[in-house]
Protein backbone atom coordinates (compact mmCIF):
# COMPACT_ATOMS: atom_id res chain seq x y z
CA UNK A 1 -15.26 72.56 5.29
CA UNK A 2 -13.26 71.50 1.79
CA UNK A 3 -11.32 67.99 1.50
CA UNK A 4 -7.66 69.63 1.36
CA UNK A 5 -8.57 71.96 4.53
CA UNK A 6 -6.28 71.59 7.25
CA UNK A 7 -8.40 69.45 10.21
CA UNK A 8 -6.12 71.21 13.02
CA UNK A 9 -4.91 75.05 12.42
CA UNK A 10 -2.89 77.15 14.55
CA UNK A 11 -6.25 79.42 15.74
CA UNK A 12 -7.83 76.17 17.02
CA UNK A 13 -4.49 75.02 19.32
CA UNK A 14 -4.36 78.72 20.20
CA UNK A 15 -7.95 78.93 21.65
CA UNK A 16 -7.61 75.58 23.02
CA UNK A 17 -4.62 76.00 25.32
CA UNK A 18 -6.56 79.68 26.38
CA UNK A 19 -9.27 77.62 27.40
CA UNK A 20 -6.84 75.18 29.70
CA UNK A 21 -5.23 77.83 31.13
CA UNK A 22 -1.84 76.81 29.37
CA UNK A 23 -1.66 79.80 27.22
CA UNK A 24 -1.93 83.67 28.82
CA UNK A 25 -3.32 86.79 27.04
CA UNK A 26 -1.17 89.07 26.34
CA UNK A 27 -0.09 91.68 23.34
CA UNK A 28 1.63 89.82 20.13
CA UNK A 29 4.68 90.70 20.03
CA UNK A 30 5.46 92.51 16.24
CA UNK A 31 8.35 90.55 15.14
CA UNK A 32 9.96 86.97 16.59
CA UNK A 33 13.39 86.01 16.43
CA UNK A 34 14.35 82.40 17.00
CA UNK A 35 17.80 81.64 18.37
CA UNK A 36 17.91 77.91 18.42
CA UNK A 37 21.37 77.95 19.92
CA UNK A 38 21.50 78.24 24.13
CA UNK A 39 24.80 80.30 23.88
CA UNK A 40 22.98 82.99 22.30
CA UNK A 41 19.56 82.63 24.59
CA UNK A 42 21.47 82.99 27.85
CA UNK A 43 23.45 86.11 26.48
CA UNK A 44 19.94 87.52 25.55
CA UNK A 45 18.73 86.85 28.88
CA UNK A 46 21.61 88.67 30.25
CA UNK A 47 21.67 91.50 28.54
CA UNK A 48 18.18 92.14 28.42
CA UNK A 49 15.14 92.79 30.69
CA UNK A 50 12.59 90.16 29.48
CA UNK A 51 8.85 89.20 29.98
CA UNK A 52 8.57 84.97 29.84
CA UNK A 53 5.66 84.03 28.28
CA UNK A 54 3.94 80.39 28.69
CA UNK A 55 2.23 78.27 26.61
CA UNK A 56 4.58 77.57 23.34
CA UNK A 57 7.24 75.09 22.71
CA UNK A 58 10.41 75.55 24.11
CA UNK A 59 10.75 79.13 25.66
CA UNK A 60 9.23 82.74 24.59
CA UNK A 61 10.27 86.20 25.98
CA UNK A 62 9.07 89.60 25.44
CA UNK A 63 11.86 92.05 25.28
CA UNK A 64 10.63 94.88 27.37
CA UNK A 65 12.56 97.22 25.52
CA UNK A 66 10.74 98.27 22.91
CA UNK A 67 7.28 97.52 24.72
CA UNK A 68 7.54 93.82 23.96
CA UNK A 69 7.06 94.67 20.24
CA UNK A 70 10.19 92.05 19.67
CA UNK A 71 10.10 88.49 21.53
CA UNK A 72 13.27 85.54 21.63
CA UNK A 73 12.02 82.02 20.60
CA UNK A 74 14.63 79.42 21.88
CA UNK A 75 15.09 76.32 23.77
CA UNK A 76 12.77 74.59 21.20
CA UNK A 77 15.00 72.25 19.63
CA UNK A 78 15.89 71.73 16.33
CA UNK A 79 15.05 71.17 12.59
CA UNK A 80 12.51 72.41 10.21
CA UNK A 81 9.23 70.73 11.50
CA UNK A 82 10.06 72.59 15.31
CA UNK A 83 10.52 75.82 13.78
CA UNK A 84 7.42 75.39 10.67
CA UNK A 85 5.02 74.39 13.50
CA UNK A 86 6.00 77.91 16.03
CA UNK A 87 6.03 80.06 12.79
CA UNK A 88 2.36 78.90 12.54
CA UNK A 89 1.49 79.45 15.81
CA UNK A 90 3.31 82.43 15.90
CA UNK A 91 1.72 83.72 13.09
CA UNK A 92 -2.03 82.80 14.39
CA UNK A 93 -1.09 84.83 17.53
CA UNK A 94 -0.17 87.53 15.55
CA UNK A 95 3.03 88.23 15.00
CA UNK A 96 4.22 89.81 10.98
CA UNK A 97 7.94 88.92 10.54
CA UNK A 98 10.73 86.30 11.72
CA UNK A 99 14.33 86.22 11.69
CA UNK A 100 16.68 83.19 12.47
CA UNK A 101 20.24 83.51 14.00
CA UNK A 102 22.04 80.26 14.26
CA UNK A 103 25.13 78.25 13.28
CA UNK A 104 25.46 76.92 10.36
CA UNK A 105 28.25 74.67 8.18
CA UNK A 106 30.33 76.26 5.73
CA UNK A 107 30.08 75.12 2.25
CA UNK A 108 32.93 77.97 0.81
CA UNK A 109 36.78 77.34 1.62
CA UNK A 110 36.75 81.33 2.53
CA UNK A 111 33.95 80.40 5.12
CA UNK A 112 35.23 79.88 8.62
CA UNK A 113 34.62 79.41 12.20
CA UNK A 114 33.04 82.58 13.13
CA UNK A 115 32.29 83.78 9.78
CA UNK A 116 28.70 86.04 9.28
CA UNK A 117 26.12 85.59 6.76
CA UNK A 118 23.38 86.52 5.57
CA UNK A 119 20.83 83.84 3.56
CA UNK A 120 19.05 85.85 0.56
CA UNK A 121 17.57 82.36 0.06
CA UNK A 122 17.27 78.80 1.40
CA UNK A 123 17.16 75.52 -0.57
CA UNK A 124 14.28 73.62 0.17
CA UNK A 125 16.10 70.41 0.85
CA UNK A 126 13.83 69.51 4.02
CA UNK A 127 10.46 68.29 3.94
CA UNK A 128 8.31 71.26 5.62
CA UNK A 129 7.84 73.88 2.73
CA UNK A 130 5.96 71.32 -0.17
CA UNK A 131 2.82 71.53 2.45
CA UNK A 132 3.08 75.05 2.53
CA UNK A 133 4.33 75.92 -1.02
CA UNK A 134 4.18 74.90 -4.56
CA UNK A 135 7.33 73.63 -5.76
CA UNK A 136 10.21 75.08 -6.54
CA UNK A 137 13.82 74.73 -5.25
CA UNK A 138 14.75 77.78 -3.45
CA UNK A 139 12.11 80.39 -0.91
CA UNK A 140 13.73 83.85 -0.80
CA UNK A 141 14.43 85.90 2.65
CA UNK A 142 12.86 89.33 2.99
CA UNK A 143 14.16 92.00 0.98
CA UNK A 144 13.32 94.59 3.35
CA UNK A 145 14.80 92.92 6.64
CA UNK A 146 17.72 91.98 4.52
CA UNK A 147 18.67 95.03 2.93
CA UNK A 148 18.02 97.01 6.90
CA UNK A 149 20.28 94.32 8.35
CA UNK A 150 22.84 94.26 5.66
CA UNK A 151 23.25 98.12 5.83
CA UNK A 152 23.35 97.98 9.66
CA UNK A 153 26.29 95.80 9.53
CA UNK A 154 28.36 97.63 6.63
CA UNK A 155 27.73 100.92 8.61
CA UNK A 156 29.54 98.78 11.85
CA UNK A 157 32.22 98.22 9.18
CA UNK A 158 31.47 94.01 10.52
CA UNK A 159 32.84 91.94 7.33
CA UNK A 160 29.53 89.48 6.25
CA UNK A 161 28.77 87.01 3.10
CA UNK A 162 25.61 87.33 1.49
CA UNK A 163 23.63 84.87 -0.68
CA UNK A 164 21.61 81.55 -0.53
CA UNK A 165 21.93 78.86 1.87
CA UNK A 166 20.68 75.13 2.24
CA UNK A 167 18.63 73.72 4.47
CA UNK A 168 18.54 69.76 4.93
CA UNK A 169 16.41 67.74 7.44
CA UNK A 170 19.31 64.67 7.58
CA UNK A 171 22.76 66.20 8.09
CA UNK A 172 24.36 62.78 8.47
CA UNK A 173 22.62 62.56 4.71
CA UNK A 174 24.63 65.75 3.34
CA UNK A 175 26.45 63.32 0.38
CA UNK A 176 29.61 64.52 -0.65
CA UNK A 177 27.93 65.05 -4.79
CA UNK A 178 25.32 67.25 -2.97
CA UNK A 179 28.17 69.38 -0.80
CA UNK A 180 30.37 69.35 -4.39
CA UNK A 181 27.44 70.40 -6.26
CA UNK A 182 26.53 73.59 -4.21
CA UNK A 183 29.99 74.38 -3.63
CA UNK A 184 30.27 75.28 -7.28
CA UNK A 185 26.96 76.88 -7.78
CA UNK A 186 28.14 79.57 -4.96
CA UNK A 187 26.08 77.97 -2.29
CA UNK A 188 27.00 79.27 1.13
CA UNK A 189 26.25 76.95 4.02
CA UNK A 190 24.15 74.12 5.43
CA UNK A 191 21.77 74.77 8.15
CA UNK A 192 18.22 72.95 9.24
CA UNK A 193 15.80 75.41 9.97
CA UNK A 194 15.79 78.26 7.22
CA UNK A 195 14.12 76.80 4.54
CA UNK A 196 10.79 75.94 6.90
CA UNK A 197 10.59 79.35 8.55
CA UNK A 198 11.11 81.24 5.84
CA UNK A 199 8.61 79.13 3.93
CA UNK A 200 5.79 79.17 6.35
CA UNK A 201 6.18 83.14 6.76
CA UNK A 202 5.95 83.68 2.67
CA UNK A 203 2.45 81.13 2.31
CA UNK A 204 1.13 84.00 4.72
CA UNK A 205 2.65 86.64 3.02
CA UNK A 206 4.84 87.91 5.67
CA UNK A 207 8.35 88.98 5.88
CA UNK A 208 11.34 86.68 7.43
CA UNK A 209 14.68 85.97 6.87
CA UNK A 210 17.75 84.02 8.49
CA UNK A 211 21.32 84.97 9.65
CA UNK A 212 24.36 82.80 10.33
CA UNK A 213 27.20 81.76 11.91
CA UNK A 214 29.83 79.49 10.68
CA UNK A 215 30.36 76.27 13.06
CA UNK A 216 31.82 73.65 10.92
CA UNK A 217 33.31 73.41 7.41
CA UNK A 218 32.24 70.83 4.80
CA UNK A 219 34.16 72.61 1.61
CA UNK A 220 35.40 70.09 -0.50
CA UNK A 221 33.05 67.03 0.93
CA UNK A 222 35.67 67.48 4.05
CA UNK A 223 33.88 67.51 7.10
CA UNK A 224 36.33 69.93 9.68
CA UNK A 225 34.73 71.33 12.95
CA UNK A 226 36.78 74.19 14.62
CA UNK A 227 37.84 73.33 18.34
CA UNK A 228 36.90 76.91 19.49
CA UNK A 229 33.39 77.94 19.28
CA UNK A 230 33.90 81.34 20.69
CA UNK A 231 34.20 83.35 17.97
CA UNK A 232 31.06 81.79 16.56
CA UNK A 233 29.13 82.69 19.76
CA UNK A 234 30.63 85.72 20.02
CA UNK A 235 29.20 86.99 16.52
CA UNK A 236 25.98 85.35 17.33
CA UNK A 237 25.72 87.52 20.20
CA UNK A 238 26.77 90.68 17.53
CA UNK A 239 23.78 89.34 14.87
CA UNK A 240 21.12 89.59 17.69
CA UNK A 241 22.08 93.33 18.96
CA UNK A 242 22.73 94.56 15.29
CA UNK A 243 19.35 92.64 14.54
CA UNK A 244 17.35 93.76 17.24
CA UNK A 245 18.47 97.78 16.65
CA UNK A 246 17.64 97.35 13.10
CA UNK A 247 14.02 95.89 13.93
CA UNK A 248 13.14 97.50 17.10
């Protein structure tokens, strides 16, 4: 073993869970869709027939339509470390591609509550990706998934934006100079998970992308929150249905 090899690997952890009976054996899904927001998870569980799988942080459900090839991961909290760890574990399980569907803060004036966007890549403002990737500012989304989802949204005449987003670990330290600088560069929005998920997947050569609905705005260095998030929550469901149909 080399000095820079990890002491604990996801495969070892999954094997431990199997031995102790906390992780059941099941055919791994091909795709995991992460849904941090409870409203979206509730929508999916109401609409789709699912099978709950125990043994992972939060909740994991196989969607029965499509023979369990797509799974929903939810209830795990927020932030880059948790989604990075789950992505690594799911890769060890045999998952081949990942999608994040969540809420984000808009950085551009034309984005309001409910606006949909596809992230072509995320600025690595978190602390996880340096453990998985060489130094760099941005980790890119999978062009293959992006193009398929983009085409599906366009085919249904659903408006959306597409561009770079920014991932941070510290929502209360999104300082004005950074927000204005990213706004001037055309960065669309800020979130707390995308770069980590994209970075872990990319380190294994696997496909991943992120899609968002805007919940609040930081444009021009002023924070404002919508008093009604029903449109944003409804559009999360629209994104899920489109992405599910595209990938199943």
